[in-house]
Amino acid sequence: MTDGLGKWIRPTELLNAEALASMLASGDVLEQGTRGDKVVRLQNGDMLKIFRARRKISGARLYTHARRFFRNAERLHQLGVNTVVCKRLYHFQDADGTAVLYSPLAGYTARKLLDGNLLNQEMAWALGAFIAHLHQSGVLFRSLRMSNILVMPDGQYGLIDISDMRIYPWPLFCNTRVRNFRHLCRYPDDISSLGKLSWESLQSGYFSASELGGACESKIRRELTAAVCFDQ
């Protein structure tokens, strides 16, 4: 089965009900949704991420979420961005479901490190530089939040949950960068956990690694100042 066009076409394998049930029975369910299991850790450590189309007529049936996830992983690797390594694409017998099998990144989410007070100012600066690299590389990661950013054992950053993004062949425009930071600011608990000094370090890392004009930098700074308020 194929559900893409041109260079995006990659054959998908049928995952029948018996094989899927076996995977689920022997695996560790990490995330569930209203329509069933969504993320399962298999016995060998690989991950199975399951997607189901919500509507009978949907663009997700033509270019599936699983295929988008797979394609995004490939493109991120080409850009030098750490992310999961996808292995296989599956489709289900009921035609509503697709899945992607991938090897996860080693490490902990930035959210988990924040919970343990383990993300210091130096790491926050590097995180800002990482976000700048995404923006300079044309990556609009709409799910930008601390729980989707991984800190790897070597201290580098990577992305998980990569279905919802756009990758442009040019650096992001200023207004697009502002919108992306708004996604991050939708999670005030994450920023509050960073603390004022580390939040400022993140911004410093971002602007140091970005190639922005003064007007754009000022616009982003105003947006971040307006969105976040720390108790004095």
Protein backbone atom coordinates (compact mmCIF):
# COMPACT_ATOMS: atom_id res chain seq x y z
CA MET A 1 0.00 0.00 0.00
CA THR A 2 1.21 3.52 -0.77
CA ASP A 3 -0.33 6.79 0.32
CA GLY A 4 2.09 9.50 -0.80
CA LEU A 5 3.35 11.00 -4.00
CA GLY A 6 6.69 11.16 -5.77
CA LYS A 7 9.71 10.79 -3.56
CA TRP A 8 7.47 10.49 -0.49
CA ILE A 9 6.13 7.12 -1.64
CA ARG A 10 7.33 4.36 0.64
CA PRO A 11 5.65 0.95 0.75
CA THR A 12 3.71 0.16 3.90
CA GLU A 13 3.31 -3.32 5.33
CA LEU A 14 0.04 -4.86 6.42
CA LEU A 15 -0.13 -5.30 10.18
CA ASN A 16 -2.99 -7.73 10.66
CA ALA A 17 -5.12 -7.90 13.80
CA GLU A 18 -3.31 -10.95 15.19
CA ALA A 19 0.16 -9.45 14.80
CA LEU A 20 -0.97 -6.15 16.29
CA ALA A 21 -2.60 -7.91 19.24
CA SER A 22 0.61 -9.85 19.85
CA MET A 23 2.67 -6.64 19.86
CA LEU A 24 0.26 -4.96 22.27
CA ALA A 25 0.08 -7.96 24.57
CA SER A 26 3.84 -8.29 24.95
CA GLY A 27 4.60 -4.55 24.93
CA ASP A 28 4.34 -1.77 27.47
CA VAL A 29 1.62 0.77 26.66
CA LEU A 30 2.98 4.28 27.24
CA GLU A 31 0.12 6.35 25.88
CA GLN A 32 -3.56 5.72 25.28
CA GLY A 33 -6.27 7.69 23.53
CA THR A 34 -10.04 7.50 23.29
CA ARG A 35 -9.71 5.09 20.36
CA GLY A 36 -7.15 2.76 21.92
CA ASP A 37 -3.42 2.44 22.43
CA LYS A 38 -1.26 5.14 20.82
CA VAL A 39 2.36 4.45 21.82
CA VAL A 40 3.69 1.03 22.78
CA ARG A 41 7.22 0.07 23.82
CA LEU A 42 7.99 -3.37 22.38
CA GLN A 43 10.09 -6.04 24.04
CA ASN A 44 13.17 -5.19 21.97
CA GLY A 45 12.97 -1.51 22.98
CA ASP A 46 11.50 -0.23 19.71
CA MET A 47 8.38 1.94 19.74
CA LEU A 48 5.15 1.42 17.84
CA LYS A 49 3.19 4.64 17.35
CA ILE A 50 -0.38 4.15 16.16
CA PHE A 51 -2.49 6.69 14.28
CA ARG A 52 -6.17 6.45 13.40
CA ALA A 53 -7.98 8.70 10.93
CA ARG A 54 -10.81 10.50 12.72
CA ARG A 55 -12.97 11.17 9.66
CA LYS A 56 -14.07 9.00 6.76
CA ILE A 57 -12.98 11.70 4.33
CA SER A 58 -9.70 13.16 5.43
CA GLY A 59 -6.36 14.25 4.01
CA ALA A 60 -4.81 11.96 6.62
CA ARG A 61 -6.05 9.00 4.55
CA LEU A 62 -4.06 10.22 1.53
CA TYR A 63 -0.91 11.32 3.33
CA THR A 64 -1.16 9.53 6.65
CA HIS A 65 0.08 10.80 10.00
CA ALA A 66 2.39 7.79 10.18
CA ARG A 67 3.93 8.66 6.83
CA ARG A 68 4.27 12.31 7.88
CA PHE A 69 6.04 11.18 11.07
CA PHE A 70 8.38 8.96 9.02
CA ARG A 71 9.10 11.70 6.49
CA ASN A 72 9.71 14.31 9.18
CA ALA A 73 12.25 12.03 10.87
CA GLU A 74 14.12 11.59 7.59
CA ARG A 75 14.22 15.30 6.89
CA LEU A 76 15.29 16.20 10.42
CA HIS A 77 18.22 13.80 10.18
CA GLN A 78 19.20 15.44 6.89
CA LEU A 79 19.25 18.79 8.68
CA GLY A 80 21.41 17.48 11.50
CA VAL A 81 18.58 17.47 14.06
CA ASN A 82 18.55 14.54 16.47
CA THR A 83 15.32 12.56 16.43
CA VAL A 84 13.99 9.00 16.34
CA VAL A 85 15.06 6.49 13.68
CA CYS A 86 12.04 5.15 11.80
CA LYS A 87 12.14 1.56 10.54
CA ARG A 88 8.77 0.55 9.11
CA LEU A 89 5.40 1.86 8.08
CA TYR A 90 2.26 -0.22 8.65
CA HIS A 91 -1.36 -0.09 7.58
CA PHE A 92 -4.20 -1.98 9.25
CA GLN A 93 -6.86 -4.23 7.80
CA ASP A 94 -9.68 -1.85 8.79
CA ALA A 95 -8.13 0.93 6.64
CA ASP A 96 -8.58 3.43 9.47
CA GLY A 97 -5.24 2.85 11.15
CA THR A 98 -1.58 3.26 10.32
CA ALA A 99 1.52 2.91 12.46
CA VAL A 100 5.22 3.61 12.44
CA LEU A 101 7.91 1.49 14.07
CA TYR A 102 10.94 3.40 15.30
CA SER A 103 13.96 3.31 17.57
CA PRO A 104 13.66 5.94 20.30
CA LEU A 105 16.30 8.44 21.31
CA ALA A 106 18.16 7.73 24.53
CA GLY A 107 17.81 10.37 27.21
CA TYR A 108 15.23 12.26 29.25
CA THR A 109 12.73 14.91 28.31
CA ALA A 110 13.51 18.48 29.30
CA ARG A 111 10.27 18.36 31.29
CA LYS A 112 11.57 15.46 33.38
CA LEU A 113 14.83 17.29 34.05
CA LEU A 114 12.88 20.37 35.09
CA ASP A 115 10.86 18.26 37.52
CA GLY A 116 14.14 17.14 39.11
CA ASN A 117 15.68 20.64 39.06
CA LEU A 118 18.39 19.28 36.76
CA LEU A 119 18.17 21.74 33.87
CA ASN A 120 20.62 24.51 34.71
CA GLN A 121 21.32 27.87 33.07
CA GLU A 122 24.05 26.48 30.82
CA MET A 123 21.69 23.80 29.54
CA ALA A 124 18.97 26.42 29.07
CA TRP A 125 21.36 28.48 26.93
CA ALA A 126 22.08 25.39 24.80
CA LEU A 127 18.35 24.73 24.52
CA GLY A 128 17.83 28.23 23.15
CA ALA A 129 20.62 27.62 20.63
CA PHE A 130 18.93 24.34 19.64
CA ILE A 131 15.63 26.12 18.97
CA ALA A 132 17.54 28.68 16.92
CA HIS A 133 19.04 25.85 14.86
CA LEU A 134 15.54 24.54 14.18
CA HIS A 135 14.36 27.97 13.04
CA GLN A 136 17.44 28.64 10.95
CA SER A 137 16.94 25.23 9.31
CA GLY A 138 13.34 26.06 8.40
CA VAL A 139 11.74 23.77 11.00
CA LEU A 140 8.41 24.92 12.40
CA PHE A 141 7.80 22.45 15.23
CA ARG A 142 4.23 23.12 16.26
CA SER A 143 4.48 20.77 19.25
CA LEU A 144 7.33 22.81 20.75
CA ARG A 145 7.23 22.15 24.50
CA MET A 146 9.53 20.72 27.14
CA SER A 147 7.95 17.25 27.06
CA ASN A 148 8.80 16.93 23.34
CA ILE A 149 12.45 18.00 23.66
CA LEU A 150 14.88 15.28 24.69
CA VAL A 151 18.20 15.78 26.44
CA MET A 152 20.53 13.02 25.27
CA PRO A 153 23.32 11.41 27.35
CA ASP A 154 25.96 13.51 25.53
CA GLY A 155 24.11 16.71 26.39
CA GLN A 156 22.72 17.31 22.90
CA TYR A 157 19.06 18.02 22.31
CA GLY A 158 16.63 16.13 20.10
CA LEU A 159 12.95 16.07 19.16
CA ILE A 160 10.22 13.50 19.76
CA ASP A 161 6.52 13.45 18.84
CA ILE A 162 7.39 14.93 15.46
CA SER A 163 4.13 14.49 13.53
CA ASP A 164 3.05 18.12 13.60
CA MET A 165 5.65 20.24 11.86
CA ARG A 166 6.45 22.05 8.65
CA ILE A 167 9.95 22.14 7.19
CA TYR A 168 10.66 24.99 4.80
CA PRO A 169 13.67 25.29 2.45
CA TRP A 170 14.57 28.63 4.06
CA PRO A 171 15.00 30.00 7.60
CA LEU A 172 11.72 30.81 9.31
CA PHE A 173 10.38 34.31 8.83
CA CYS A 174 10.15 36.52 11.90
CA ASN A 175 6.38 36.22 12.32
CA THR A 176 6.63 32.44 12.05
CA ARG A 177 9.26 32.40 14.79
CA VAL A 178 6.97 34.47 16.98
CA ARG A 179 4.12 32.02 16.41
CA ASN A 180 6.37 29.12 17.28
CA PHE A 181 7.40 30.74 20.58
CA ARG A 182 3.70 31.22 21.31
CA HIS A 183 3.38 27.44 21.17
CA LEU A 184 6.08 27.16 23.81
CA CYS A 185 4.46 29.85 25.95
CA ARG A 186 1.19 27.92 26.02
CA TYR A 187 2.80 25.84 28.76
CA PRO A 188 3.53 28.39 31.50
CA ASP A 189 4.36 25.65 34.01
CA ASP A 190 7.34 24.68 31.84
CA ILE A 191 8.67 28.22 31.80
CA SER A 192 7.92 28.74 35.48
CA SER A 193 9.91 25.57 36.25
CA LEU A 194 12.84 26.97 34.27
CA GLY A 195 12.91 30.06 36.45
CA LYS A 196 13.66 33.62 35.46
CA LEU A 197 17.43 33.27 35.08
CA SER A 198 17.29 30.10 32.98
CA TRP A 199 14.48 31.56 30.85
CA GLU A 200 16.72 34.54 30.16
CA SER A 201 19.61 32.15 29.39
CA LEU A 202 17.41 30.29 26.90
CA GLN A 203 16.63 33.56 25.13
CA SER A 204 20.30 34.55 25.15
CA GLY A 205 21.24 31.22 23.57
CA TYR A 206 18.54 31.65 20.94
CA PHE A 207 19.53 35.16 19.89
CA SER A 208 23.24 34.35 19.97
CA ALA A 209 22.73 31.43 17.57
CA SER A 210 20.20 33.19 15.31
CA GLU A 211 20.98 35.43 12.37
CA LEU A 212 18.30 38.01 13.07
CA GLY A 213 18.03 41.68 12.36
CA GLY A 214 17.44 44.06 15.24
CA ALA A 215 13.78 44.61 14.38
CA CYS A 216 12.97 40.89 14.44
CA GLU A 217 14.90 40.28 17.66
CA SER A 218 13.05 43.15 19.33
CA LYS A 219 9.72 41.76 18.15
CA ILE A 220 10.44 38.32 19.57
CA ARG A 221 11.71 39.77 22.85
CA ARG A 222 8.50 41.82 23.23
CA GLU A 223 6.42 38.73 22.58
CA LEU A 224 8.28 36.67 25.17
CA THR A 225 8.18 39.45 27.75
CA ALA A 226 4.43 39.89 27.29
CA ALA A 227 3.75 36.14 27.42
CA VAL A 228 5.70 35.32 30.58
CA CYS A 229 5.59 37.01 33.98
CA PHE A 230 7.76 35.91 36.87
CA ASP A 231 6.97 36.92 40.42
CA GLN A 232 9.41 39.49 41.66
